[in-house]
């Protein structure tokens, strides 16, 4: 066969391989979880945490997603806001789940600042082309009705203003059940992690 024809055929074969292989490799999408101890697996084996359970479910359903857990115990919304830019650059997520605010509330921090921080996180993630889910928590009633009510409204205000899905309470059906909470009554047990996943999954599945 003519050498020039062979070279052309080789070039065509390589082009076909690139067309088939590269898109398949690039198809894996990323879900970034930016949270605190409720998502980092505090007090339990991290392999039992709801974020790991999420990865397992995605694999079982053969959904081509990788879950990156960037949650840190003790993080506030200010900490999350400071960390987010580098996380967006490093992971280029398709979906970002923001599950912060509990530590703001437990420290009695400004709800106005908390709302600004969460709003800024959402807008930054949107700028990078990601879809966002916001997950809220509630704080103990001993913080007083005025503060707890202001705190509760922060999540709804951000979700409504930014037009993003909201999981009103990531610990819905859990935090008022002593059997599903650790001794500190702040962190859920391993047995509660599947329920946390279900609380988040209801909104997350719509974005996948």
N, C-alpha and C. Protein backbone atom coordinates (compact mmCIF):
# COMPACT_ATOMS: atom_id res chain seq x y z
N UNK A 1 0.85 -1.19 0.00
CA UNK A 1 0.00 0.00 0.00
C UNK A 1 0.88 1.24 0.00
N UNK A 2 0.41 2.23 -0.70
CA UNK A 2 1.15 3.50 -0.79
C UNK A 2 1.39 4.06 0.62
N UNK A 3 2.67 4.44 0.95
CA UNK A 3 2.98 4.98 2.29
C UNK A 3 2.13 6.18 2.67
N UNK A 4 1.81 7.03 1.72
CA UNK A 4 1.00 8.20 2.03
C UNK A 4 -0.41 7.80 2.43
N UNK A 5 -0.92 6.75 1.78
CA UNK A 5 -2.25 6.26 2.12
C UNK A 5 -2.25 5.68 3.53
N UNK A 6 -1.16 4.97 3.85
CA UNK A 6 -1.04 4.38 5.20
C UNK A 6 -1.03 5.48 6.26
N UNK A 7 -0.29 6.55 5.98
CA UNK A 7 -0.24 7.66 6.93
C UNK A 7 -1.61 8.29 7.12
N UNK A 8 -2.36 8.42 6.04
CA UNK A 8 -3.70 8.99 6.12
C UNK A 8 -4.62 8.10 6.95
N UNK A 9 -4.51 6.78 6.71
CA UNK A 9 -5.35 5.85 7.44
C UNK A 9 -5.02 5.86 8.93
N UNK A 10 -3.71 5.96 9.24
CA UNK A 10 -3.30 6.03 10.64
C UNK A 10 -3.86 7.29 11.31
N UNK A 11 -3.81 8.40 10.58
CA UNK A 11 -4.32 9.66 11.11
C UNK A 11 -5.82 9.57 11.38
N UNK A 12 -6.53 8.95 10.45
CA UNK A 12 -7.98 8.78 10.63
C UNK A 12 -8.29 7.90 11.84
N UNK A 13 -7.48 6.83 12.00
CA UNK A 13 -7.69 5.92 13.11
C UNK A 13 -7.45 6.61 14.45
N UNK A 14 -6.41 7.42 14.52
CA UNK A 14 -6.13 8.18 15.74
C UNK A 14 -7.25 9.17 16.05
N UNK A 15 -7.75 9.81 15.00
CA UNK A 15 -8.83 10.78 15.18
C UNK A 15 -10.08 10.10 15.74
N UNK A 16 -10.36 8.89 15.24
CA UNK A 16 -11.52 8.14 15.72
C UNK A 16 -11.34 7.76 17.19
N UNK A 17 -10.10 7.32 17.54
CA UNK A 17 -9.83 6.96 18.93
C UNK A 17 -10.02 8.15 19.86
N UNK A 18 -9.51 9.31 19.45
CA UNK A 18 -9.65 10.50 20.27
C UNK A 18 -11.10 10.90 20.42
N UNK A 19 -11.86 10.76 19.35
CA UNK A 19 -13.27 11.14 19.39
C UNK A 19 -14.04 10.25 20.35
N UNK A 20 -13.67 8.96 20.39
CA UNK A 20 -14.40 8.00 21.22
C UNK A 20 -13.92 8.02 22.67
N UNK A 21 -12.59 8.08 22.87
CA UNK A 21 -12.02 7.92 24.21
C UNK A 21 -12.08 9.20 25.02
N UNK A 22 -11.68 10.32 24.45
CA UNK A 22 -11.57 11.57 25.22
C UNK A 22 -12.90 12.02 25.80
N UNK A 23 -14.00 12.04 25.01
CA UNK A 23 -15.27 12.45 25.61
C UNK A 23 -15.69 11.53 26.75
N UNK A 24 -15.38 10.23 26.63
CA UNK A 24 -15.76 9.29 27.67
C UNK A 24 -15.03 9.61 28.96
N UNK A 25 -13.74 9.97 28.85
CA UNK A 25 -12.97 10.31 30.03
C UNK A 25 -13.44 11.64 30.62
N UNK A 26 -13.80 12.57 29.76
CA UNK A 26 -14.19 13.90 30.21
C UNK A 26 -15.61 13.94 30.75
N UNK A 27 -16.34 12.82 30.60
CA UNK A 27 -17.74 12.82 30.98
C UNK A 27 -17.95 12.81 32.49
N UNK A 28 -16.94 12.38 33.25
CA UNK A 28 -17.09 12.35 34.70
C UNK A 28 -17.31 13.75 35.25
N UNK A 29 -18.39 13.91 35.98
CA UNK A 29 -18.73 15.20 36.55
C UNK A 29 -18.50 15.19 38.05
N UNK A 30 -18.43 16.36 38.63
CA UNK A 30 -18.05 16.48 40.03
C UNK A 30 -19.13 17.16 40.86
N UNK A 31 -19.40 16.58 42.02
CA UNK A 31 -20.26 17.19 43.03
C UNK A 31 -19.38 17.60 44.19
N UNK A 32 -19.37 18.87 44.51
CA UNK A 32 -18.54 19.38 45.59
C UNK A 32 -19.41 19.66 46.81
N UNK A 33 -19.04 19.09 47.94
CA UNK A 33 -19.75 19.31 49.20
C UNK A 33 -18.92 20.26 50.05
N UNK A 34 -19.46 21.43 50.34
CA UNK A 34 -18.77 22.40 51.19
C UNK A 34 -19.59 22.53 52.47
N UNK A 35 -19.15 21.85 53.50
CA UNK A 35 -19.92 21.82 54.73
C UNK A 35 -19.05 21.85 55.97
N UNK A 36 -19.67 21.47 57.09
CA UNK A 36 -18.97 21.46 58.37
C UNK A 36 -18.97 20.05 58.93
N UNK A 37 -19.00 19.93 60.26
CA UNK A 37 -18.91 18.61 60.89
C UNK A 37 -20.07 17.69 60.54
N UNK A 38 -21.22 18.24 60.18
CA UNK A 38 -22.36 17.41 59.81
C UNK A 38 -22.11 16.66 58.52
N UNK A 39 -21.20 17.16 57.72
CA UNK A 39 -20.88 16.51 56.44
C UNK A 39 -19.49 15.87 56.42
N UNK A 40 -18.65 16.24 57.39
CA UNK A 40 -17.30 15.69 57.42
C UNK A 40 -17.22 14.35 58.14
N UNK A 41 -18.31 13.94 58.78
CA UNK A 41 -18.33 12.66 59.47
C UNK A 41 -17.79 12.72 60.88
N UNK A 42 -18.03 13.80 61.56
CA UNK A 42 -17.54 13.98 62.93
C UNK A 42 -18.07 12.90 63.86
N UNK A 43 -17.16 12.26 64.59
CA UNK A 43 -17.56 11.29 65.61
C UNK A 43 -17.91 9.91 65.08
N UNK A 44 -17.83 9.71 63.76
CA UNK A 44 -18.12 8.41 63.18
C UNK A 44 -17.03 8.06 62.17
N UNK A 45 -17.03 6.83 61.72
CA UNK A 45 -16.13 6.43 60.64
C UNK A 45 -16.56 7.18 59.38
N UNK A 46 -15.63 7.93 58.79
CA UNK A 46 -15.99 8.75 57.63
C UNK A 46 -16.59 7.93 56.51
N UNK A 47 -16.24 6.64 56.47
CA UNK A 47 -16.80 5.76 55.42
C UNK A 47 -18.29 5.52 55.62
N UNK A 48 -18.80 5.85 56.81
CA UNK A 48 -20.23 5.70 57.08
C UNK A 48 -20.99 7.00 56.88
N UNK A 49 -20.29 8.08 56.58
CA UNK A 49 -20.92 9.38 56.45
C UNK A 49 -21.82 9.49 55.23
N UNK A 50 -22.72 10.45 55.26
CA UNK A 50 -23.70 10.58 54.18
C UNK A 50 -23.04 10.93 52.85
N UNK A 51 -21.91 11.60 52.88
CA UNK A 51 -21.24 11.95 51.62
C UNK A 51 -20.70 10.70 50.95
N UNK A 52 -20.12 9.79 51.74
CA UNK A 52 -19.66 8.52 51.17
C UNK A 52 -20.84 7.69 50.67
N UNK A 53 -21.93 7.73 51.42
CA UNK A 53 -23.13 7.01 50.98
C UNK A 53 -23.65 7.58 49.66
N UNK A 54 -23.50 8.88 49.48
CA UNK A 54 -23.90 9.51 48.22
C UNK A 54 -23.06 8.97 47.07
N UNK A 55 -21.74 8.89 47.27
CA UNK A 55 -20.88 8.36 46.21
C UNK A 55 -21.27 6.93 45.87
N UNK A 56 -21.56 6.15 46.88
CA UNK A 56 -21.96 4.76 46.64
C UNK A 56 -23.26 4.68 45.86
N UNK A 57 -24.21 5.54 46.18
CA UNK A 57 -25.48 5.52 45.46
C UNK A 57 -25.29 5.90 43.99
N UNK A 58 -24.48 6.90 43.75
CA UNK A 58 -24.22 7.32 42.37
C UNK A 58 -23.59 6.19 41.57
N UNK A 59 -22.67 5.47 42.20
CA UNK A 59 -22.03 4.35 41.52
C UNK A 59 -23.01 3.22 41.27
N UNK A 60 -23.87 2.95 42.25
CA UNK A 60 -24.87 1.89 42.09
C UNK A 60 -25.84 2.21 40.96
N UNK A 61 -26.14 3.49 40.80
CA UNK A 61 -27.05 3.91 39.74
C UNK A 61 -26.33 4.19 38.42
N UNK A 62 -25.03 3.93 38.42
CA UNK A 62 -24.18 4.13 37.24
C UNK A 62 -24.26 5.56 36.71
N UNK A 63 -24.29 6.50 37.65
CA UNK A 63 -24.22 7.91 37.29
C UNK A 63 -22.76 8.33 37.35
N UNK A 64 -22.30 8.97 36.30
CA UNK A 64 -20.87 9.28 36.17
C UNK A 64 -20.52 10.56 36.93
N UNK A 65 -20.57 10.46 38.26
CA UNK A 65 -20.24 11.60 39.11
C UNK A 65 -19.20 11.20 40.15
N UNK A 66 -18.29 12.12 40.41
CA UNK A 66 -17.33 11.97 41.51
C UNK A 66 -17.70 12.98 42.59
N UNK A 67 -17.74 12.52 43.84
CA UNK A 67 -18.08 13.39 44.95
C UNK A 67 -16.81 13.81 45.67
N UNK A 68 -16.63 15.11 45.81
CA UNK A 68 -15.49 15.66 46.55
C UNK A 68 -16.02 16.27 47.85
N UNK A 69 -15.56 15.74 48.97
CA UNK A 69 -16.02 16.24 50.25
C UNK A 69 -15.01 17.25 50.80
N UNK A 70 -15.35 18.53 50.72
CA UNK A 70 -14.48 19.60 51.21
C UNK A 70 -15.02 20.17 52.51
N UNK A 71 -15.66 19.32 53.30
CA UNK A 71 -16.25 19.76 54.56
C UNK A 71 -15.22 19.70 55.68
N UNK A 72 -15.24 20.70 56.55
CA UNK A 72 -14.31 20.79 57.67
C UNK A 72 -15.09 21.07 58.96
N UNK A 73 -14.84 20.26 59.96
CA UNK A 73 -15.50 20.47 61.26
C UNK A 73 -15.19 21.86 61.80
N UNK A 74 -16.21 22.52 62.29
CA UNK A 74 -16.03 23.84 62.89
C UNK A 74 -16.12 24.99 61.91
N UNK A 75 -16.25 24.68 60.62
CA UNK A 75 -16.28 25.76 59.61
C UNK A 75 -17.52 26.63 59.77
N UNK A 76 -17.32 27.92 59.61
CA UNK A 76 -18.41 28.88 59.53
C UNK A 76 -18.63 29.26 58.08
N UNK A 77 -19.65 30.06 57.82
CA UNK A 77 -19.87 30.52 56.45
C UNK A 77 -18.72 31.41 55.99
N UNK A 78 -18.10 32.15 56.90
CA UNK A 78 -16.94 32.98 56.53
C UNK A 78 -15.77 32.11 56.10
N UNK A 79 -15.53 31.02 56.84
CA UNK A 79 -14.47 30.09 56.46
C UNK A 79 -14.75 29.47 55.10
N UNK A 80 -16.00 29.05 54.90
CA UNK A 80 -16.37 28.44 53.63
C UNK A 80 -16.19 29.40 52.47
N UNK A 81 -16.56 30.65 52.69
CA UNK A 81 -16.42 31.67 51.65
C UNK A 81 -14.95 31.86 51.30
N UNK A 82 -14.09 31.85 52.30
CA UNK A 82 -12.66 32.04 52.06
C UNK A 82 -12.06 30.86 51.30
N UNK A 83 -12.57 29.66 51.56
CA UNK A 83 -12.02 28.46 50.91
C UNK A 83 -12.57 28.21 49.52
N UNK A 84 -13.75 28.72 49.26
CA UNK A 84 -14.46 28.34 48.03
C UNK A 84 -13.72 28.66 46.73
N UNK A 85 -13.14 29.83 46.55
CA UNK A 85 -12.50 30.12 45.25
C UNK A 85 -11.49 29.07 44.82
N UNK A 86 -10.63 28.66 45.72
CA UNK A 86 -9.61 27.66 45.35
C UNK A 86 -10.24 26.30 45.08
N UNK A 87 -11.32 25.98 45.80
CA UNK A 87 -12.01 24.71 45.56
C UNK A 87 -12.66 24.69 44.18
N UNK A 88 -13.24 25.82 43.78
CA UNK A 88 -13.87 25.89 42.46
C UNK A 88 -12.83 25.75 41.35
N UNK A 89 -11.68 26.36 41.54
CA UNK A 89 -10.61 26.26 40.54
C UNK A 89 -10.06 24.84 40.47
N UNK A 90 -9.84 24.24 41.62
CA UNK A 90 -9.23 22.91 41.67
C UNK A 90 -10.14 21.82 41.14
N UNK A 91 -11.43 21.87 41.48
CA UNK A 91 -12.32 20.75 41.18
C UNK A 91 -13.30 21.03 40.03
N UNK A 92 -13.46 22.27 39.61
CA UNK A 92 -14.42 22.64 38.56
C UNK A 92 -15.72 21.85 38.68
N UNK A 93 -16.42 21.98 39.79
CA UNK A 93 -17.61 21.16 40.04
C UNK A 93 -18.78 21.53 39.13
N UNK A 94 -19.59 20.52 38.86
CA UNK A 94 -20.84 20.73 38.14
C UNK A 94 -21.97 21.08 39.11
N UNK A 95 -21.87 20.53 40.31
CA UNK A 95 -22.86 20.79 41.35
C UNK A 95 -22.11 21.10 42.65
N UNK A 96 -22.59 22.12 43.37
CA UNK A 96 -22.02 22.46 44.67
C UNK A 96 -23.13 22.40 45.71
N UNK A 97 -22.90 21.61 46.75
CA UNK A 97 -23.83 21.56 47.88
C UNK A 97 -23.21 22.37 49.01
N UNK A 98 -23.87 23.45 49.40
CA UNK A 98 -23.39 24.29 50.49
C UNK A 98 -24.18 23.96 51.74
N UNK A 99 -23.49 23.39 52.73
CA UNK A 99 -24.15 22.95 53.96
C UNK A 99 -23.43 23.57 55.15
N UNK A 100 -23.55 24.87 55.27
CA UNK A 100 -22.88 25.63 56.32
C UNK A 100 -23.87 26.51 57.08
N UNK A 101 -23.41 27.00 58.23
CA UNK A 101 -24.24 27.92 59.00
C UNK A 101 -24.45 27.50 60.43
N UNK A 102 -24.36 26.19 60.70
CA UNK A 102 -24.58 25.71 62.05
C UNK A 102 -23.63 26.32 63.06
N UNK A 103 -22.37 26.43 62.68
CA UNK A 103 -21.39 27.01 63.60
C UNK A 103 -21.57 28.52 63.76
N UNK A 104 -22.08 29.18 62.74
CA UNK A 104 -22.43 30.60 62.88
C UNK A 104 -23.49 30.74 63.98
N UNK A 105 -24.50 29.87 63.91
CA UNK A 105 -25.59 29.94 64.86
C UNK A 105 -25.15 29.60 66.27
N UNK A 106 -24.36 28.54 66.41
CA UNK A 106 -23.93 28.12 67.74
C UNK A 106 -23.03 29.16 68.39
N UNK A 107 -22.38 29.98 67.57
CA UNK A 107 -21.53 31.05 68.11
C UNK A 107 -22.27 32.37 68.22
N UNK A 108 -23.52 32.37 67.82
CA UNK A 108 -24.32 33.58 67.91
C UNK A 108 -23.85 34.68 66.98
N UNK A 109 -23.28 34.30 65.84
CA UNK A 109 -22.74 35.29 64.91
C UNK A 109 -23.88 36.01 64.17
N UNK A 110 -23.55 37.10 63.54
CA UNK A 110 -24.52 37.93 62.85
C UNK A 110 -25.22 37.15 61.73
N UNK A 111 -26.55 37.16 61.76
CA UNK A 111 -27.29 36.49 60.68
C UNK A 111 -27.18 37.28 59.38
N UNK A 112 -27.01 38.60 59.48
CA UNK A 112 -26.84 39.41 58.27
C UNK A 112 -25.53 39.04 57.56
N UNK A 113 -24.48 38.86 58.34
CA UNK A 113 -23.20 38.48 57.74
C UNK A 113 -23.28 37.06 57.18
N UNK A 114 -23.94 36.20 57.90
CA UNK A 114 -24.13 34.82 57.43
C UNK A 114 -24.84 34.81 56.08
N UNK A 115 -25.87 35.62 55.95
CA UNK A 115 -26.60 35.68 54.68
C UNK A 115 -25.72 36.23 53.57
N UNK A 116 -24.92 37.24 53.87
CA UNK A 116 -24.01 37.79 52.86
C UNK A 116 -22.99 36.74 52.42
N UNK A 117 -22.47 36.00 53.39
CA UNK A 117 -21.47 34.98 53.06
C UNK A 117 -22.05 33.90 52.17
N UNK A 118 -23.22 33.40 52.53
CA UNK A 118 -23.85 32.35 51.73
C UNK A 118 -24.20 32.85 50.34
N UNK A 119 -24.70 34.06 50.26
CA UNK A 119 -25.05 34.64 48.95
C UNK A 119 -23.81 34.76 48.08
N UNK A 120 -22.72 35.20 48.67
CA UNK A 120 -21.47 35.34 47.91
C UNK A 120 -20.96 33.97 47.44
N UNK A 121 -21.10 32.96 48.27
CA UNK A 121 -20.70 31.61 47.86
C UNK A 121 -21.51 31.14 46.66
N UNK A 122 -22.81 31.37 46.73
CA UNK A 122 -23.69 30.95 45.64
C UNK A 122 -23.33 31.67 44.35
N UNK A 123 -23.13 32.97 44.41
CA UNK A 123 -22.84 33.72 43.19
C UNK A 123 -21.49 33.32 42.60
N UNK A 124 -20.52 33.03 43.45
CA UNK A 124 -19.22 32.58 42.95
C UNK A 124 -19.34 31.24 42.23
N UNK A 125 -20.09 30.32 42.83
CA UNK A 125 -20.27 29.01 42.20
C UNK A 125 -21.03 29.12 40.88
N UNK A 126 -22.03 30.01 40.85
CA UNK A 126 -22.77 30.24 39.61
C UNK A 126 -21.85 30.77 38.52
N UNK A 127 -20.96 31.68 38.89
CA UNK A 127 -20.03 32.26 37.92
C UNK A 127 -19.16 31.18 37.28
N UNK A 128 -18.87 30.13 38.03
CA UNK A 128 -18.06 29.02 37.50
C UNK A 128 -18.92 27.99 36.76
N UNK A 129 -20.20 28.29 36.60
CA UNK A 129 -21.06 27.40 35.84
C UNK A 129 -21.66 26.25 36.61
N UNK A 130 -21.56 26.27 37.93
CA UNK A 130 -22.08 25.16 38.74
C UNK A 130 -23.53 25.38 39.13
N UNK A 131 -24.23 24.28 39.36
CA UNK A 131 -25.55 24.33 39.96
C UNK A 131 -25.37 24.20 41.47
N UNK A 132 -26.24 24.84 42.23
CA UNK A 132 -26.05 24.90 43.67
C UNK A 132 -27.28 24.43 44.42
N UNK A 133 -27.02 23.72 45.52
CA UNK A 133 -28.05 23.37 46.49
C UNK A 133 -27.61 23.93 47.83
N UNK A 134 -28.52 24.56 48.53
CA UNK A 134 -28.24 25.08 49.86
C UNK A 134 -28.95 24.20 50.88
N UNK A 135 -28.21 23.79 51.91
CA UNK A 135 -28.79 22.94 52.95
C UNK A 135 -28.72 23.67 54.28
N UNK A 136 -29.86 23.76 54.96
CA UNK A 136 -29.94 24.50 56.20
C UNK A 136 -29.98 23.62 57.43
N UNK A 137 -29.84 24.26 58.58
CA UNK A 137 -29.95 23.59 59.88
C UNK A 137 -30.80 24.48 60.79
N UNK A 138 -31.14 23.97 61.95
CA UNK A 138 -31.78 24.81 62.96
C UNK A 138 -30.91 24.79 64.21
N UNK A 139 -31.03 25.84 64.97
CA UNK A 139 -30.24 25.94 66.19
C UNK A 139 -31.15 25.73 67.40
N UNK A 140 -30.58 25.37 68.55
CA UNK A 140 -31.39 25.10 69.74
C UNK A 140 -32.23 26.31 70.15
N UNK A 141 -33.40 26.06 70.72
CA UNK A 141 -34.30 27.15 71.10
C UNK A 141 -33.77 28.04 72.21
N UNK A 142 -32.75 27.59 72.93
CA UNK A 142 -32.23 28.40 74.04
C UNK A 142 -31.50 29.65 73.56
N UNK A 143 -31.33 29.79 72.23
CA UNK A 143 -30.73 31.01 71.70
C UNK A 143 -31.75 32.15 71.62
N UNK A 144 -32.98 31.84 71.95
CA UNK A 144 -34.01 32.86 71.98
C UNK A 144 -34.82 32.88 70.70
N UNK A 145 -36.11 33.17 70.78
CA UNK A 145 -36.98 33.13 69.61
C UNK A 145 -36.59 34.11 68.51
N UNK A 146 -36.13 35.28 68.90
CA UNK A 146 -35.78 36.29 67.89
C UNK A 146 -34.60 35.82 67.03
N UNK A 147 -33.54 35.38 67.69
CA UNK A 147 -32.35 34.96 66.94
C UNK A 147 -32.62 33.69 66.13
N UNK A 148 -33.31 32.71 66.73
CA UNK A 148 -33.57 31.47 66.00
C UNK A 148 -34.45 31.71 64.78
N UNK A 149 -35.38 32.64 64.88
CA UNK A 149 -36.24 32.96 63.74
C UNK A 149 -35.45 33.67 62.65
N UNK A 150 -34.60 34.62 63.03
CA UNK A 150 -33.75 35.30 62.06
C UNK A 150 -32.82 34.30 61.38
N UNK A 151 -32.29 33.39 62.16
CA UNK A 151 -31.39 32.36 61.62
C UNK A 151 -32.11 31.49 60.61
N UNK A 152 -33.32 31.07 60.96
CA UNK A 152 -34.09 30.20 60.07
C UNK A 152 -34.36 30.88 58.73
N UNK A 153 -34.63 32.16 58.76
CA UNK A 153 -34.98 32.86 57.53
C UNK A 153 -33.79 33.07 56.59
N UNK A 154 -32.57 33.00 57.11
CA UNK A 154 -31.40 33.22 56.27
C UNK A 154 -31.39 32.27 55.07
N UNK A 155 -31.61 31.00 55.31
CA UNK A 155 -31.55 30.02 54.23
C UNK A 155 -32.63 30.27 53.19
N UNK A 156 -33.83 30.55 53.65
CA UNK A 156 -34.92 30.82 52.72
C UNK A 156 -34.65 32.09 51.92
N UNK A 157 -34.11 33.10 52.57
CA UNK A 157 -33.80 34.35 51.87
C UNK A 157 -32.77 34.14 50.76
N UNK A 158 -31.73 33.39 51.08
CA UNK A 158 -30.68 33.14 50.09
C UNK A 158 -31.22 32.30 48.94
N UNK A 159 -31.93 31.23 49.26
CA UNK A 159 -32.46 30.35 48.23
C UNK A 159 -33.43 31.07 47.31
N UNK A 160 -34.32 31.86 47.91
CA UNK A 160 -35.29 32.61 47.11
C UNK A 160 -34.61 33.68 46.28
N UNK A 161 -33.71 34.42 46.90
CA UNK A 161 -33.04 35.50 46.19
C UNK A 161 -32.17 35.02 45.05
N UNK A 162 -31.54 33.86 45.24
CA UNK A 162 -30.63 33.32 44.22
C UNK A 162 -31.29 32.28 43.32
N UNK A 163 -32.55 31.97 43.62
CA UNK A 163 -33.32 31.00 42.82
C UNK A 163 -32.60 29.65 42.74
N UNK A 164 -32.28 29.11 43.90
CA UNK A 164 -31.62 27.81 43.96
C UNK A 164 -32.42 26.88 44.85
N UNK A 165 -32.25 25.56 44.69
CA UNK A 165 -32.96 24.60 45.53
C UNK A 165 -32.49 24.69 46.98
N UNK A 166 -33.42 24.44 47.89
CA UNK A 166 -33.12 24.50 49.32
C UNK A 166 -33.54 23.21 50.00
N UNK A 167 -32.62 22.65 50.77
CA UNK A 167 -32.96 21.60 51.72
C UNK A 167 -33.14 22.33 53.06
N UNK A 168 -34.37 22.59 53.47
CA UNK A 168 -34.59 23.44 54.65
C UNK A 168 -33.85 22.98 55.89
N UNK A 169 -33.86 21.65 56.13
CA UNK A 169 -33.18 21.09 57.31
C UNK A 169 -32.45 19.82 56.91
N UNK A 170 -31.13 19.89 56.91
CA UNK A 170 -30.36 18.70 56.52
C UNK A 170 -30.54 17.58 57.55
N UNK A 171 -30.89 17.96 58.78
CA UNK A 171 -31.12 16.97 59.84
C UNK A 171 -32.60 16.76 60.12
N UNK A 172 -33.44 17.02 59.14
CA UNK A 172 -34.88 16.81 59.33
C UNK A 172 -35.15 15.35 59.71
N UNK A 173 -35.94 15.15 60.76
CA UNK A 173 -36.26 13.81 61.21
C UNK A 173 -35.14 13.17 62.01
N UNK A 174 -34.12 13.95 62.32
CA UNK A 174 -32.95 13.40 63.03
C UNK A 174 -32.64 14.16 64.31
N UNK A 175 -32.51 15.49 64.19
CA UNK A 175 -31.99 16.27 65.32
C UNK A 175 -32.90 16.31 66.54
N UNK A 176 -34.16 15.96 66.38
CA UNK A 176 -35.07 15.92 67.53
C UNK A 176 -35.26 14.50 68.06
N UNK A 177 -34.53 13.56 67.47
CA UNK A 177 -34.60 12.15 67.88
C UNK A 177 -33.29 11.79 68.58
N UNK A 178 -33.33 11.68 69.89
CA UNK A 178 -32.12 11.43 70.68
C UNK A 178 -31.40 10.15 70.27
N UNK A 179 -32.13 9.17 69.74
CA UNK A 179 -31.50 7.91 69.36
C UNK A 179 -30.64 8.04 68.11
N UNK A 180 -30.82 9.14 67.37
CA UNK A 180 -30.05 9.35 66.14
C UNK A 180 -28.96 10.41 66.31
N UNK A 181 -28.82 10.91 67.54
CA UNK A 181 -27.82 11.94 67.79
C UNK A 181 -26.76 11.42 68.76
N UNK A 182 -25.54 11.90 68.58
CA UNK A 182 -24.46 11.54 69.48
C UNK A 182 -24.72 12.19 70.85
N UNK A 183 -23.87 11.86 71.81
CA UNK A 183 -24.08 12.32 73.18
C UNK A 183 -24.08 13.84 73.30
N UNK A 184 -23.39 14.53 72.38
CA UNK A 184 -23.35 16.00 72.44
C UNK A 184 -24.64 16.64 71.96
N UNK A 185 -25.54 15.83 71.40
CA UNK A 185 -26.83 16.29 70.88
C UNK A 185 -26.70 17.30 69.74
N UNK A 186 -25.52 17.37 69.15
CA UNK A 186 -25.27 18.26 68.02
C UNK A 186 -24.99 17.47 66.75
N UNK A 187 -24.28 16.36 66.89
CA UNK A 187 -23.85 15.60 65.72
C UNK A 187 -24.63 14.29 65.58
N UNK A 188 -25.03 13.95 64.38
CA UNK A 188 -25.79 12.72 64.15
C UNK A 188 -24.91 11.48 64.24
N UNK A 189 -25.52 10.38 64.56
CA UNK A 189 -24.81 9.10 64.64
C UNK A 189 -24.66 8.50 63.24
N UNK A 190 -23.93 7.39 63.20
CA UNK A 190 -23.77 6.68 61.93
C UNK A 190 -25.12 6.20 61.41
N UNK A 191 -26.01 5.82 62.34
CA UNK A 191 -27.33 5.32 61.94
C UNK A 191 -28.17 6.38 61.26
N UNK A 192 -27.84 7.65 61.47
CA UNK A 192 -28.63 8.75 60.90
C UNK A 192 -28.17 9.15 59.51
N UNK A 193 -27.02 8.65 59.08
CA UNK A 193 -26.43 9.15 57.84
C UNK A 193 -27.27 8.85 56.60
N UNK A 194 -27.92 7.71 56.59
CA UNK A 194 -28.78 7.38 55.45
C UNK A 194 -29.95 8.35 55.34
N UNK A 195 -30.47 8.78 56.47
CA UNK A 195 -31.57 9.75 56.47
C UNK A 195 -31.09 11.10 55.97
N UNK A 196 -29.86 11.50 56.37
CA UNK A 196 -29.31 12.76 55.86
C UNK A 196 -29.21 12.70 54.35
N UNK A 197 -28.72 11.58 53.83
CA UNK A 197 -28.62 11.42 52.38
C UNK A 197 -29.97 11.59 51.72
N UNK A 198 -31.01 10.99 52.30
CA UNK A 198 -32.35 11.10 51.70
C UNK A 198 -32.82 12.55 51.71
N UNK A 199 -32.52 13.28 52.79
CA UNK A 199 -32.92 14.68 52.86
C UNK A 199 -32.29 15.51 51.75
N UNK A 200 -31.02 15.23 51.46
CA UNK A 200 -30.30 15.96 50.41
C UNK A 200 -30.67 15.44 49.02
N UNK A 201 -30.84 14.14 48.92
CA UNK A 201 -31.06 13.50 47.62
C UNK A 201 -32.32 14.00 46.93
N UNK A 202 -33.32 14.31 47.69
CA UNK A 202 -34.59 14.76 47.10
C UNK A 202 -34.38 15.95 46.18
N UNK A 203 -33.52 16.88 46.58
CA UNK A 203 -33.23 18.04 45.73
C UNK A 203 -32.10 17.76 44.75
N UNK A 204 -31.11 17.01 45.21
CA UNK A 204 -29.92 16.76 44.37
C UNK A 204 -30.27 15.98 43.11
N UNK A 205 -31.11 14.98 43.24
CA UNK A 205 -31.44 14.14 42.10
C UNK A 205 -32.01 14.94 40.93
N UNK A 206 -32.72 16.01 41.23
CA UNK A 206 -33.32 16.82 40.18
C UNK A 206 -32.26 17.53 39.32
N UNK A 207 -31.05 17.71 39.89
CA UNK A 207 -30.01 18.42 39.17
C UNK A 207 -29.08 17.51 38.39
N UNK A 208 -29.19 16.19 38.60
CA UNK A 208 -28.26 15.26 37.97
C UNK A 208 -28.70 14.87 36.58
